[in-house]
Amino acid sequence: MASKQELIDYVADRTELSKVNAAKAINAFVEAITYYISEGTPVHISNFGTFEVRKRAARVSHDVHSREKILVGEQNIPVFRAGKALKLATKQELSDEDMVIETLGNMILEVQHHD
């Protein structure tokens, strides 16, 4: 699993951004995704995927210690659905870095607003 610092290093290496500015960009990206989906607005990045919130229905669960049945209420759950290019990139050999970079490098951020 890549850490946040590894992502920052990677972005700084692949762009003309300093590590400080790469960190700011990644932090702003995460903040924007969090803001929009917490407001109920899905965020779609073409060829990459969609971040959104889905409702998980109320359900009956069991306490692992006492085995009592407990009701778990409806919950909002953040989800990510991979887009076509990301799915294709993960099916390829990951050593073909140029193909993955080119595919994901052509993404456009589109925020879907609900009226």
N, C-alpha and C. Protein backbone atom coordinates (compact mmCIF):
# COMPACT_ATOMS: atom_id res chain seq x y z
N MET A 1 0.85 -1.17 0.00
CA MET A 1 0.00 0.00 0.00
C MET A 1 0.90 1.24 0.00
N ALA A 2 0.60 2.18 -0.87
CA ALA A 2 1.36 3.42 -0.93
C ALA A 2 0.88 4.36 0.17
N SER A 3 1.81 5.00 0.83
CA SER A 3 1.46 5.97 1.87
C SER A 3 1.20 7.34 1.24
N LYS A 4 0.65 8.24 2.02
CA LYS A 4 0.41 9.59 1.54
C LYS A 4 1.74 10.24 1.13
N GLN A 5 2.78 10.02 1.90
CA GLN A 5 4.09 10.60 1.57
C GLN A 5 4.61 10.04 0.25
N GLU A 6 4.39 8.77 0.00
CA GLU A 6 4.81 8.18 -1.28
C GLU A 6 4.04 8.80 -2.44
N LEU A 7 2.76 9.09 -2.24
CA LEU A 7 1.98 9.78 -3.28
C LEU A 7 2.53 11.18 -3.52
N ILE A 8 2.85 11.89 -2.46
CA ILE A 8 3.42 13.23 -2.58
C ILE A 8 4.73 13.17 -3.35
N ASP A 9 5.61 12.25 -2.98
CA ASP A 9 6.89 12.10 -3.67
C ASP A 9 6.68 11.78 -5.15
N TYR A 10 5.73 10.92 -5.44
CA TYR A 10 5.45 10.52 -6.82
C TYR A 10 4.95 11.71 -7.64
N VAL A 11 3.99 12.45 -7.09
CA VAL A 11 3.45 13.62 -7.80
C VAL A 11 4.55 14.65 -8.01
N ALA A 12 5.36 14.90 -7.01
CA ALA A 12 6.45 15.87 -7.14
C ALA A 12 7.44 15.43 -8.20
N ASP A 13 7.73 14.14 -8.26
CA ASP A 13 8.68 13.60 -9.23
C ASP A 13 8.13 13.67 -10.66
N ARG A 14 6.83 13.44 -10.84
CA ARG A 14 6.22 13.39 -12.17
C ARG A 14 5.78 14.76 -12.70
N THR A 15 5.80 15.77 -11.84
CA THR A 15 5.38 17.11 -12.24
C THR A 15 6.50 18.08 -11.92
N GLU A 16 6.28 19.33 -12.15
CA GLU A 16 7.27 20.35 -11.80
C GLU A 16 6.96 20.97 -10.44
N LEU A 17 6.15 20.28 -9.65
CA LEU A 17 5.80 20.78 -8.32
C LEU A 17 6.87 20.40 -7.30
N SER A 18 7.08 21.29 -6.33
CA SER A 18 7.93 20.93 -5.20
C SER A 18 7.16 19.94 -4.34
N LYS A 19 7.84 19.29 -3.42
CA LYS A 19 7.15 18.36 -2.52
C LYS A 19 6.12 19.10 -1.67
N VAL A 20 6.42 20.33 -1.29
CA VAL A 20 5.48 21.12 -0.50
C VAL A 20 4.22 21.39 -1.32
N ASN A 21 4.38 21.80 -2.58
CA ASN A 21 3.22 22.08 -3.42
C ASN A 21 2.48 20.81 -3.83
N ALA A 22 3.21 19.72 -4.01
CA ALA A 22 2.55 18.44 -4.30
C ALA A 22 1.69 18.02 -3.11
N ALA A 23 2.20 18.22 -1.90
CA ALA A 23 1.43 17.90 -0.69
C ALA A 23 0.19 18.77 -0.60
N LYS A 24 0.33 20.06 -0.93
CA LYS A 24 -0.82 20.96 -0.92
C LYS A 24 -1.87 20.51 -1.93
N ALA A 25 -1.41 20.09 -3.11
CA ALA A 25 -2.34 19.64 -4.15
C ALA A 25 -3.09 18.39 -3.71
N ILE A 26 -2.38 17.42 -3.15
CA ILE A 26 -3.02 16.19 -2.71
C ILE A 26 -3.98 16.47 -1.55
N ASN A 27 -3.56 17.31 -0.61
CA ASN A 27 -4.44 17.68 0.50
C ASN A 27 -5.69 18.39 0.01
N ALA A 28 -5.54 19.29 -0.96
CA ALA A 28 -6.69 20.01 -1.51
C ALA A 28 -7.62 19.06 -2.25
N PHE A 29 -7.06 18.08 -2.95
CA PHE A 29 -7.87 17.08 -3.66
C PHE A 29 -8.70 16.28 -2.67
N VAL A 30 -8.07 15.78 -1.63
CA VAL A 30 -8.78 14.99 -0.61
C VAL A 30 -9.84 15.85 0.07
N GLU A 31 -9.50 17.09 0.38
CA GLU A 31 -10.45 18.01 1.01
C GLU A 31 -11.65 18.26 0.10
N ALA A 32 -11.40 18.46 -1.19
CA ALA A 32 -12.49 18.71 -2.14
C ALA A 32 -13.41 17.51 -2.26
N ILE A 33 -12.84 16.31 -2.38
CA ILE A 33 -13.65 15.09 -2.47
C ILE A 33 -14.51 14.96 -1.21
N THR A 34 -13.88 15.14 -0.05
CA THR A 34 -14.59 15.04 1.22
C THR A 34 -15.72 16.06 1.30
N TYR A 35 -15.44 17.29 0.91
CA TYR A 35 -16.46 18.35 0.96
C TYR A 35 -17.66 17.99 0.07
N TYR A 36 -17.40 17.68 -1.18
CA TYR A 36 -18.50 17.44 -2.11
C TYR A 36 -19.34 16.22 -1.73
N ILE A 37 -18.69 15.11 -1.39
CA ILE A 37 -19.51 13.93 -1.08
C ILE A 37 -20.22 14.08 0.26
N SER A 38 -19.63 14.83 1.20
CA SER A 38 -20.34 15.05 2.47
C SER A 38 -21.56 15.94 2.27
N GLU A 39 -21.57 16.73 1.20
CA GLU A 39 -22.72 17.56 0.84
C GLU A 39 -23.73 16.80 -0.02
N GLY A 40 -23.40 15.55 -0.36
CA GLY A 40 -24.30 14.73 -1.18
C GLY A 40 -24.07 14.87 -2.67
N THR A 41 -22.96 15.51 -3.06
CA THR A 41 -22.64 15.71 -4.47
C THR A 41 -21.58 14.71 -4.90
N PRO A 42 -21.91 13.78 -5.80
CA PRO A 42 -20.90 12.85 -6.29
C PRO A 42 -19.80 13.59 -7.06
N VAL A 43 -18.59 13.06 -7.02
CA VAL A 43 -17.48 13.62 -7.78
C VAL A 43 -17.04 12.57 -8.78
N HIS A 44 -17.13 12.93 -10.06
CA HIS A 44 -16.77 12.01 -11.14
C HIS A 44 -15.50 12.50 -11.81
N ILE A 45 -14.50 11.65 -11.89
CA ILE A 45 -13.27 11.95 -12.60
C ILE A 45 -13.25 11.02 -13.81
N SER A 46 -13.39 11.61 -14.99
CA SER A 46 -13.50 10.83 -16.23
C SER A 46 -12.38 9.79 -16.32
N ASN A 47 -12.74 8.60 -16.69
CA ASN A 47 -11.83 7.46 -16.87
C ASN A 47 -11.20 6.94 -15.59
N PHE A 48 -11.44 7.60 -14.47
CA PHE A 48 -10.87 7.16 -13.21
C PHE A 48 -11.94 6.54 -12.33
N GLY A 49 -13.00 7.31 -12.03
CA GLY A 49 -14.06 6.76 -11.21
C GLY A 49 -14.90 7.83 -10.55
N THR A 50 -15.81 7.38 -9.70
CA THR A 50 -16.74 8.27 -9.03
C THR A 50 -16.71 8.04 -7.53
N PHE A 51 -16.59 9.14 -6.79
CA PHE A 51 -16.69 9.14 -5.33
C PHE A 51 -18.10 9.60 -5.00
N GLU A 52 -18.79 8.88 -4.12
CA GLU A 52 -20.13 9.27 -3.74
C GLU A 52 -20.50 8.66 -2.39
N VAL A 53 -21.65 9.08 -1.87
CA VAL A 53 -22.16 8.52 -0.62
C VAL A 53 -23.40 7.70 -0.96
N ARG A 54 -23.45 6.51 -0.40
CA ARG A 54 -24.63 5.66 -0.54
C ARG A 54 -25.18 5.37 0.84
N LYS A 55 -26.47 5.14 0.89
CA LYS A 55 -27.11 4.80 2.16
C LYS A 55 -27.07 3.28 2.34
N ARG A 56 -26.64 2.86 3.50
CA ARG A 56 -26.70 1.45 3.87
C ARG A 56 -27.95 1.29 4.72
N ALA A 57 -28.81 0.39 4.33
CA ALA A 57 -30.09 0.19 5.03
C ALA A 57 -29.86 -0.28 6.47
N ALA A 58 -30.82 0.01 7.31
CA ALA A 58 -30.79 -0.49 8.68
C ALA A 58 -30.78 -2.01 8.64
N ARG A 59 -30.12 -2.60 9.61
CA ARG A 59 -30.02 -4.06 9.62
C ARG A 59 -29.86 -4.56 11.04
N VAL A 60 -30.06 -5.84 11.20
CA VAL A 60 -29.86 -6.49 12.50
C VAL A 60 -28.48 -7.11 12.48
N SER A 61 -27.71 -6.85 13.53
CA SER A 61 -26.38 -7.42 13.66
C SER A 61 -26.31 -8.15 14.99
N HIS A 62 -25.13 -8.65 15.31
CA HIS A 62 -24.95 -9.37 16.57
C HIS A 62 -23.74 -8.81 17.30
N ASP A 63 -23.89 -8.65 18.61
CA ASP A 63 -22.76 -8.25 19.44
C ASP A 63 -21.81 -9.45 19.49
N VAL A 64 -20.55 -9.23 19.14
CA VAL A 64 -19.60 -10.36 19.07
C VAL A 64 -19.32 -10.99 20.43
N HIS A 65 -19.49 -10.23 21.50
CA HIS A 65 -19.20 -10.78 22.83
C HIS A 65 -20.40 -11.47 23.45
N SER A 66 -21.55 -10.81 23.40
CA SER A 66 -22.73 -11.37 24.07
C SER A 66 -23.65 -12.12 23.12
N ARG A 67 -23.42 -12.00 21.84
CA ARG A 67 -24.25 -12.61 20.79
C ARG A 67 -25.68 -12.09 20.78
N GLU A 68 -25.90 -10.95 21.45
CA GLU A 68 -27.22 -10.33 21.41
C GLU A 68 -27.45 -9.71 20.05
N LYS A 69 -28.71 -9.71 19.63
CA LYS A 69 -29.07 -9.03 18.39
C LYS A 69 -29.15 -7.53 18.68
N ILE A 70 -28.57 -6.74 17.78
CA ILE A 70 -28.65 -5.29 17.91
C ILE A 70 -29.07 -4.69 16.57
N LEU A 71 -29.84 -3.62 16.64
CA LEU A 71 -30.29 -2.95 15.43
C LEU A 71 -29.27 -1.87 15.08
N VAL A 72 -28.74 -1.96 13.88
CA VAL A 72 -27.82 -0.94 13.38
C VAL A 72 -28.62 -0.07 12.43
N GLY A 73 -28.70 1.21 12.74
CA GLY A 73 -29.51 2.13 11.94
C GLY A 73 -28.93 2.37 10.55
N GLU A 74 -29.74 3.05 9.73
CA GLU A 74 -29.30 3.42 8.38
C GLU A 74 -28.04 4.28 8.49
N GLN A 75 -27.09 4.06 7.58
CA GLN A 75 -25.83 4.80 7.62
C GLN A 75 -25.47 5.31 6.23
N ASN A 76 -24.81 6.45 6.19
CA ASN A 76 -24.22 6.95 4.95
C ASN A 76 -22.81 6.39 4.85
N ILE A 77 -22.50 5.78 3.71
CA ILE A 77 -21.21 5.13 3.50
C ILE A 77 -20.54 5.75 2.28
N PRO A 78 -19.27 6.23 2.40
CA PRO A 78 -18.57 6.72 1.22
C PRO A 78 -18.15 5.54 0.34
N VAL A 79 -18.34 5.68 -0.97
CA VAL A 79 -17.96 4.62 -1.90
C VAL A 79 -17.21 5.20 -3.09
N PHE A 80 -16.40 4.36 -3.69
CA PHE A 80 -15.69 4.71 -4.92
C PHE A 80 -15.98 3.63 -5.94
N ARG A 81 -16.44 4.05 -7.11
CA ARG A 81 -16.65 3.12 -8.22
C ARG A 81 -15.59 3.41 -9.27
N ALA A 82 -14.78 2.42 -9.59
CA ALA A 82 -13.70 2.60 -10.56
C ALA A 82 -14.27 2.82 -11.96
N GLY A 83 -13.62 3.70 -12.71
CA GLY A 83 -14.00 3.97 -14.09
C GLY A 83 -13.33 2.99 -15.04
N LYS A 84 -13.70 3.09 -16.31
CA LYS A 84 -13.23 2.14 -17.32
C LYS A 84 -11.71 2.12 -17.45
N ALA A 85 -11.08 3.29 -17.55
CA ALA A 85 -9.63 3.34 -17.74
C ALA A 85 -8.89 2.76 -16.53
N LEU A 86 -9.38 3.03 -15.33
CA LEU A 86 -8.74 2.49 -14.14
C LEU A 86 -8.87 0.97 -14.10
N LYS A 87 -10.05 0.48 -14.47
CA LYS A 87 -10.25 -0.97 -14.52
C LYS A 87 -9.30 -1.61 -15.53
N LEU A 88 -9.17 -0.98 -16.70
CA LEU A 88 -8.26 -1.50 -17.73
C LEU A 88 -6.82 -1.45 -17.26
N ALA A 89 -6.44 -0.35 -16.61
CA ALA A 89 -5.06 -0.20 -16.15
C ALA A 89 -4.70 -1.26 -15.11
N THR A 90 -5.65 -1.63 -14.26
CA THR A 90 -5.35 -2.63 -13.23
C THR A 90 -5.32 -4.04 -13.80
N LYS A 91 -5.90 -4.23 -14.99
CA LYS A 91 -5.84 -5.54 -15.63
C LYS A 91 -4.53 -5.74 -16.39
N GLN A 92 -3.84 -4.64 -16.72
CA GLN A 92 -2.57 -4.71 -17.43
C GLN A 92 -1.46 -5.06 -16.44
N GLU A 93 -0.30 -5.41 -16.99
CA GLU A 93 0.85 -5.61 -16.12
C GLU A 93 1.23 -4.25 -15.56
N LEU A 94 1.34 -4.16 -14.26
CA LEU A 94 1.62 -2.88 -13.65
C LEU A 94 3.03 -2.38 -13.96
N SER A 95 3.88 -3.22 -14.54
CA SER A 95 5.21 -2.76 -14.92
C SER A 95 5.14 -1.84 -16.13
N ASP A 96 4.03 -1.85 -16.85
CA ASP A 96 3.86 -0.96 -18.00
C ASP A 96 3.40 0.40 -17.49
N GLU A 97 4.29 1.07 -16.76
CA GLU A 97 3.96 2.32 -16.08
C GLU A 97 3.53 3.42 -17.04
N ASP A 98 4.14 3.49 -18.21
CA ASP A 98 3.80 4.56 -19.15
C ASP A 98 2.35 4.49 -19.58
N MET A 99 1.84 3.28 -19.82
CA MET A 99 0.44 3.13 -20.23
C MET A 99 -0.48 3.60 -19.12
N VAL A 100 -0.16 3.24 -17.89
CA VAL A 100 -0.99 3.62 -16.75
C VAL A 100 -0.95 5.14 -16.57
N ILE A 101 0.23 5.73 -16.64
CA ILE A 101 0.37 7.18 -16.47
C ILE A 101 -0.36 7.92 -17.56
N GLU A 102 -0.23 7.48 -18.81
CA GLU A 102 -0.91 8.15 -19.91
C GLU A 102 -2.42 8.06 -19.76
N THR A 103 -2.91 6.88 -19.40
CA THR A 103 -4.35 6.69 -19.24
C THR A 103 -4.90 7.57 -18.13
N LEU A 104 -4.26 7.53 -16.98
CA LEU A 104 -4.76 8.29 -15.84
C LEU A 104 -4.42 9.77 -15.95
N GLY A 105 -3.39 10.10 -16.71
CA GLY A 105 -2.99 11.49 -16.88
C GLY A 105 -3.95 12.29 -17.72
N ASN A 106 -4.83 11.63 -18.46
CA ASN A 106 -5.79 12.31 -19.33
C ASN A 106 -7.14 12.53 -18.66
N MET A 107 -7.20 12.36 -17.35
CA MET A 107 -8.48 12.50 -16.64
C MET A 107 -8.89 13.96 -16.51
N ILE A 108 -10.19 14.18 -16.50
CA ILE A 108 -10.76 15.52 -16.30
C ILE A 108 -11.69 15.44 -15.10
N LEU A 109 -11.54 16.40 -14.19
CA LEU A 109 -12.39 16.42 -13.00
C LEU A 109 -13.73 17.03 -13.34
N GLU A 110 -14.79 16.27 -13.10
CA GLU A 110 -16.15 16.75 -13.33
C GLU A 110 -16.93 16.56 -12.04
N VAL A 111 -17.47 17.61 -11.55
CA VAL A 111 -18.29 17.52 -10.35
C VAL A 111 -19.74 17.56 -10.78
N GLN A 112 -20.48 16.52 -10.41
CA GLN A 112 -21.89 16.45 -10.76
C GLN A 112 -22.69 17.14 -9.67
N HIS A 113 -23.41 18.19 -10.04
CA HIS A 113 -24.23 18.91 -9.07
C HIS A 113 -25.66 18.42 -9.16
N HIS A 114 -26.26 18.23 -8.01
CA HIS A 114 -27.67 17.84 -7.95
C HIS A 114 -28.50 19.10 -7.76
N ASP A 115 -29.53 19.24 -8.57
CA ASP A 115 -30.43 20.40 -8.41
C ASP A 115 -31.65 20.00 -7.63
